[in-house]
N, C-alpha and C. Protein backbone atom coordinates (compact mmCIF):
# COMPACT_ATOMS: atom_id res chain seq x y z
N MET A 1 49.38 -207.04 72.78
CA MET A 1 50.78 -206.77 72.62
C MET A 1 51.53 -207.98 73.36
N THR A 2 51.01 -208.50 74.38
CA THR A 2 51.66 -209.54 75.22
C THR A 2 51.73 -210.76 74.29
N GLU A 3 50.96 -210.93 73.34
CA GLU A 3 51.11 -212.17 72.44
C GLU A 3 52.27 -212.24 71.56
N ILE A 4 52.75 -211.01 71.18
CA ILE A 4 53.82 -210.92 70.21
C ILE A 4 55.11 -210.69 70.98
N LYS A 5 55.11 -210.42 72.23
CA LYS A 5 56.43 -210.13 73.02
C LYS A 5 57.38 -211.24 72.85
N PRO A 6 57.04 -212.55 73.15
CA PRO A 6 57.99 -213.69 73.03
C PRO A 6 58.79 -213.62 71.74
N TYR A 7 58.02 -213.37 70.62
CA TYR A 7 58.64 -213.41 69.20
C TYR A 7 59.53 -212.16 69.05
N LEU A 8 59.08 -211.08 69.67
CA LEU A 8 59.96 -209.81 69.54
C LEU A 8 61.25 -210.08 70.31
N ASP A 9 61.12 -210.89 71.40
CA ASP A 9 62.35 -211.13 72.35
C ASP A 9 63.23 -212.07 71.41
N SER A 10 62.82 -212.91 70.57
CA SER A 10 63.67 -213.73 69.72
C SER A 10 64.45 -212.76 68.80
N VAL A 11 63.72 -211.93 68.15
CA VAL A 11 64.37 -210.95 67.20
C VAL A 11 65.48 -210.10 68.01
N ILE A 12 65.01 -209.66 69.18
CA ILE A 12 65.95 -208.81 70.01
C ILE A 12 67.28 -209.71 70.25
N LYS A 13 66.98 -210.88 70.66
CA LYS A 13 68.15 -211.83 70.97
C LYS A 13 69.04 -212.04 69.77
N PHE A 14 68.43 -212.05 68.62
CA PHE A 14 69.22 -212.20 67.33
C PHE A 14 70.21 -211.10 67.17
N TYR A 15 69.56 -209.95 67.27
CA TYR A 15 70.36 -208.68 67.19
C TYR A 15 71.48 -208.49 68.27
N ARG A 16 71.21 -209.03 69.39
CA ARG A 16 72.25 -208.97 70.54
C ARG A 16 73.39 -209.89 70.19
N GLU A 17 72.98 -211.03 69.41
CA GLU A 17 74.07 -212.06 69.31
C GLU A 17 74.63 -212.14 67.86
N VAL A 18 74.12 -211.29 66.88
CA VAL A 18 74.58 -211.33 65.60
C VAL A 18 76.14 -210.99 65.51
N ASN A 19 76.76 -211.74 64.61
CA ASN A 19 78.23 -211.57 64.46
C ASN A 19 78.57 -210.64 63.31
N GLU A 20 79.78 -210.34 63.17
CA GLU A 20 80.17 -209.28 62.23
C GLU A 20 80.04 -210.05 60.77
N ALA A 21 80.22 -211.23 60.61
CA ALA A 21 80.03 -211.91 59.30
C ALA A 21 78.47 -211.81 58.89
N GLN A 22 77.65 -212.11 59.83
CA GLN A 22 76.17 -211.99 59.42
C GLN A 22 75.86 -210.49 59.20
N ILE A 23 76.30 -209.54 59.86
CA ILE A 23 76.08 -208.19 59.63
C ILE A 23 76.60 -207.84 58.18
N ASN A 24 77.77 -208.19 57.82
CA ASN A 24 78.28 -207.98 56.54
C ASN A 24 77.57 -208.60 55.43
N GLU A 25 77.11 -209.88 55.68
CA GLU A 25 76.17 -210.58 54.80
C GLU A 25 74.90 -209.80 54.47
N LEU A 26 74.28 -209.44 55.61
CA LEU A 26 73.06 -208.76 55.47
C LEU A 26 73.16 -207.48 54.66
N LYS A 27 74.26 -206.64 55.13
CA LYS A 27 74.47 -205.33 54.54
C LYS A 27 74.83 -205.48 53.08
N SER A 28 75.53 -206.64 52.52
CA SER A 28 75.88 -206.75 51.15
C SER A 28 74.64 -207.21 50.29
N ALA A 29 73.48 -207.53 50.91
CA ALA A 29 72.40 -208.08 50.11
C ALA A 29 71.49 -206.75 49.72
N TYR A 30 71.27 -206.60 48.47
CA TYR A 30 70.64 -205.37 47.88
C TYR A 30 69.23 -205.90 47.26
N GLY A 31 68.56 -204.85 47.02
CA GLY A 31 67.19 -205.03 46.36
C GLY A 31 66.24 -206.02 46.96
N MET A 32 65.22 -206.48 46.09
CA MET A 32 64.21 -207.50 46.63
C MET A 32 64.93 -208.80 47.25
N PRO A 33 66.04 -209.24 46.59
CA PRO A 33 66.59 -210.39 47.17
C PRO A 33 67.19 -210.14 48.59
N GLY A 34 67.65 -208.92 48.71
CA GLY A 34 68.23 -208.54 49.98
C GLY A 34 67.25 -208.29 51.03
N ASP A 35 66.07 -207.79 50.72
CA ASP A 35 64.83 -207.70 51.59
C ASP A 35 64.49 -209.06 51.99
N ALA A 36 64.39 -210.01 51.11
CA ALA A 36 64.03 -211.39 51.41
C ALA A 36 64.92 -212.00 52.39
N LYS A 37 66.24 -211.82 52.08
CA LYS A 37 67.29 -212.46 53.03
C LYS A 37 67.13 -211.95 54.44
N TYR A 38 66.90 -210.60 54.50
CA TYR A 38 66.81 -209.92 55.83
C TYR A 38 65.55 -210.57 56.60
N TRP A 39 64.48 -210.62 55.84
CA TRP A 39 63.20 -211.03 56.68
C TRP A 39 63.34 -212.55 56.94
N ARG A 40 63.83 -213.39 56.13
CA ARG A 40 64.14 -214.72 56.19
C ARG A 40 65.09 -215.03 57.45
N THR A 41 65.99 -214.18 57.47
CA THR A 41 66.97 -214.32 58.64
C THR A 41 66.18 -214.01 59.95
N LEU A 42 65.38 -213.12 59.96
CA LEU A 42 64.57 -212.74 61.28
C LEU A 42 63.46 -214.01 61.44
N GLN A 43 62.99 -214.46 60.44
CA GLN A 43 62.12 -215.65 60.63
C GLN A 43 62.86 -216.85 61.14
N LEU A 44 63.90 -216.97 60.70
CA LEU A 44 64.70 -218.15 61.21
C LEU A 44 65.06 -217.95 62.66
N ALA A 45 65.48 -216.72 62.96
CA ALA A 45 65.84 -216.41 64.51
C ALA A 45 64.54 -216.79 65.31
N VAL A 46 63.33 -216.35 64.85
CA VAL A 46 62.14 -216.73 65.64
C VAL A 46 61.94 -218.21 65.65
N ARG A 47 62.06 -218.87 64.46
CA ARG A 47 61.79 -220.26 64.45
C ARG A 47 62.87 -221.14 65.35
N THR A 48 64.01 -220.57 65.46
CA THR A 48 64.91 -221.24 66.38
C THR A 48 64.39 -221.39 67.82
N ASP A 49 63.63 -220.32 68.31
CA ASP A 49 63.19 -220.30 69.62
C ASP A 49 61.78 -221.01 69.66
N TYR A 50 61.02 -221.00 68.47
CA TYR A 50 59.71 -221.49 68.40
C TYR A 50 59.46 -222.30 67.17
N PRO A 51 60.01 -223.56 67.23
CA PRO A 51 60.13 -224.36 66.02
C PRO A 51 58.66 -224.76 65.45
N GLU A 52 57.63 -224.59 66.28
CA GLU A 52 56.34 -224.88 65.89
C GLU A 52 55.77 -223.90 64.90
N ILE A 53 56.48 -222.66 64.76
CA ILE A 53 55.93 -221.60 63.99
C ILE A 53 56.26 -222.06 62.42
N PHE A 54 55.26 -221.82 61.59
CA PHE A 54 55.55 -222.08 60.11
C PHE A 54 55.42 -220.82 59.45
N PHE A 55 56.54 -220.48 58.72
CA PHE A 55 56.61 -219.19 57.82
C PHE A 55 56.49 -219.85 56.47
N ILE A 56 55.49 -219.36 55.71
CA ILE A 56 55.33 -219.77 54.35
C ILE A 56 56.47 -219.43 53.58
N GLY A 57 57.11 -220.42 52.89
CA GLY A 57 58.19 -220.25 51.99
C GLY A 57 59.56 -220.20 52.71
N LEU A 58 59.64 -220.21 53.96
CA LEU A 58 60.98 -220.25 54.64
C LEU A 58 61.74 -221.54 54.26
N ASP A 59 61.11 -222.72 54.41
CA ASP A 59 61.81 -223.87 54.14
C ASP A 59 62.43 -223.99 52.74
N ASP A 60 61.57 -223.57 51.81
CA ASP A 60 62.03 -223.50 50.37
C ASP A 60 63.19 -222.47 50.10
N TYR A 61 63.10 -221.34 50.87
CA TYR A 61 64.21 -220.41 50.81
C TYR A 61 65.53 -220.99 51.30
N LEU A 62 65.31 -221.76 52.59
CA LEU A 62 66.61 -222.28 53.26
C LEU A 62 67.22 -223.36 52.35
N LYS A 63 66.34 -224.21 51.56
CA LYS A 63 66.75 -225.27 50.70
C LYS A 63 67.56 -224.71 49.55
N LYS A 64 66.91 -223.65 49.01
CA LYS A 64 67.63 -222.82 47.88
C LYS A 64 68.93 -222.30 48.34
N GLU A 65 68.95 -221.67 49.42
CA GLU A 65 70.26 -221.05 49.94
C GLU A 65 71.17 -222.21 50.16
N GLU A 66 70.92 -223.34 50.72
CA GLU A 66 71.77 -224.50 50.89
C GLU A 66 72.27 -224.91 49.51
N LYS A 67 71.47 -225.08 48.57
CA LYS A 67 71.86 -225.53 47.26
C LYS A 67 72.87 -224.57 46.69
N GLU A 68 72.64 -223.18 46.77
CA GLU A 68 73.48 -222.19 46.29
C GLU A 68 74.96 -222.26 47.06
N ASN A 69 74.81 -222.55 48.22
CA ASN A 69 76.14 -222.68 49.09
C ASN A 69 76.90 -223.85 48.65
N ASN A 70 76.12 -224.94 48.46
CA ASN A 70 76.84 -226.16 47.88
C ASN A 70 77.36 -225.98 46.56
N GLU A 71 76.73 -225.33 45.66
CA GLU A 71 77.31 -225.03 44.37
C GLU A 71 78.51 -224.28 44.54
N THR A 72 78.49 -223.27 45.30
CA THR A 72 79.69 -222.32 45.51
C THR A 72 80.88 -223.19 46.04
N ALA A 73 80.56 -224.14 47.14
CA ALA A 73 81.67 -224.86 47.55
C ALA A 73 82.25 -225.84 46.49
N PHE A 74 81.37 -226.32 45.70
CA PHE A 74 81.89 -227.21 44.59
C PHE A 74 82.64 -226.55 43.64
N LEU A 75 82.46 -225.31 43.44
CA LEU A 75 83.22 -224.48 42.54
C LEU A 75 84.63 -224.34 43.04
N TYR A 76 84.70 -224.02 44.39
CA TYR A 76 85.95 -223.83 44.99
C TYR A 76 86.76 -225.02 45.14
N ILE A 77 86.04 -226.20 45.29
CA ILE A 77 86.78 -227.48 45.34
C ILE A 77 87.40 -227.80 43.95
N ARG A 78 86.60 -227.50 42.81
CA ARG A 78 87.18 -227.75 41.47
C ARG A 78 88.31 -226.77 41.22
N GLU A 79 88.18 -225.59 41.74
CA GLU A 79 89.33 -224.66 41.43
C GLU A 79 90.56 -225.13 42.18
N ILE A 80 90.38 -225.61 43.37
CA ILE A 80 91.52 -226.07 44.09
C ILE A 80 92.10 -227.34 43.49
N GLU A 81 91.29 -228.23 43.08
CA GLU A 81 91.68 -229.45 42.29
C GLU A 81 92.49 -229.14 41.11
N ASN A 82 91.81 -228.29 40.32
CA ASN A 82 92.44 -227.81 38.95
C ASN A 82 93.63 -227.02 39.04
N GLU A 83 93.81 -226.15 40.06
CA GLU A 83 95.01 -225.23 40.10
C GLU A 83 95.96 -225.77 41.00
N TYR A 84 95.69 -225.76 42.18
CA TYR A 84 96.53 -226.15 43.29
C TYR A 84 97.07 -227.50 43.24
N LEU A 85 96.22 -228.42 43.19
CA LEU A 85 96.61 -229.90 43.14
C LEU A 85 97.36 -230.25 42.00
N LYS A 86 97.00 -229.67 40.85
CA LYS A 86 97.68 -229.91 39.57
C LYS A 86 99.21 -229.55 39.69
N VAL A 87 99.36 -228.32 40.18
CA VAL A 87 100.67 -227.71 40.35
C VAL A 87 101.63 -228.48 41.37
N VAL A 88 101.00 -228.94 42.41
CA VAL A 88 101.62 -229.60 43.48
C VAL A 88 102.02 -231.06 43.04
N VAL A 89 101.10 -231.81 42.34
CA VAL A 89 101.46 -233.09 41.91
C VAL A 89 102.51 -232.99 40.89
N ARG A 90 102.39 -232.03 39.93
CA ARG A 90 103.46 -231.90 38.94
C ARG A 90 104.71 -231.61 39.42
N GLN A 91 104.82 -230.82 40.61
CA GLN A 91 106.12 -230.42 41.20
C GLN A 91 106.70 -231.68 41.87
N LYS A 92 105.80 -232.25 42.50
CA LYS A 92 106.35 -233.52 43.26
C LYS A 92 106.80 -234.61 42.18
N LEU A 93 106.13 -234.70 41.01
CA LEU A 93 106.66 -235.72 40.02
C LEU A 93 107.92 -235.20 39.43
N GLU A 94 108.01 -233.96 39.14
CA GLU A 94 109.16 -233.34 38.59
C GLU A 94 110.53 -233.54 39.64
N ASP A 95 110.17 -233.36 40.89
CA ASP A 95 111.27 -233.58 41.88
C ASP A 95 111.69 -235.00 41.96
N GLU A 96 110.78 -235.97 41.80
CA GLU A 96 111.06 -237.38 41.85
C GLU A 96 111.90 -237.78 40.62
N ILE A 97 111.42 -237.15 39.45
CA ILE A 97 112.07 -237.66 38.19
C ILE A 97 113.42 -237.00 37.96
N TRP A 98 113.62 -235.74 38.32
CA TRP A 98 114.79 -234.94 37.92
C TRP A 98 115.71 -235.11 39.16
């Protein structure tokens, strides 16, 4: 039991420091992807304190998550460019011309 205590302390620390956004994100993940997200989150908490630990598949999971977040960010950027900037630039041009 003493061998696992430091790792359990990392998990306990995660639960003490978890913020509302992380709680909501974990609660909104359902099914098998939700289970994976939950366990990968705990693995990442342990790895933060013990970077020498290697969890099979964690690095690939994090890369995939990062890629998905980047794709979402690019969608938002395109939406802003296509909607907001188009309207603002058009309004500025109309104000200058009229």
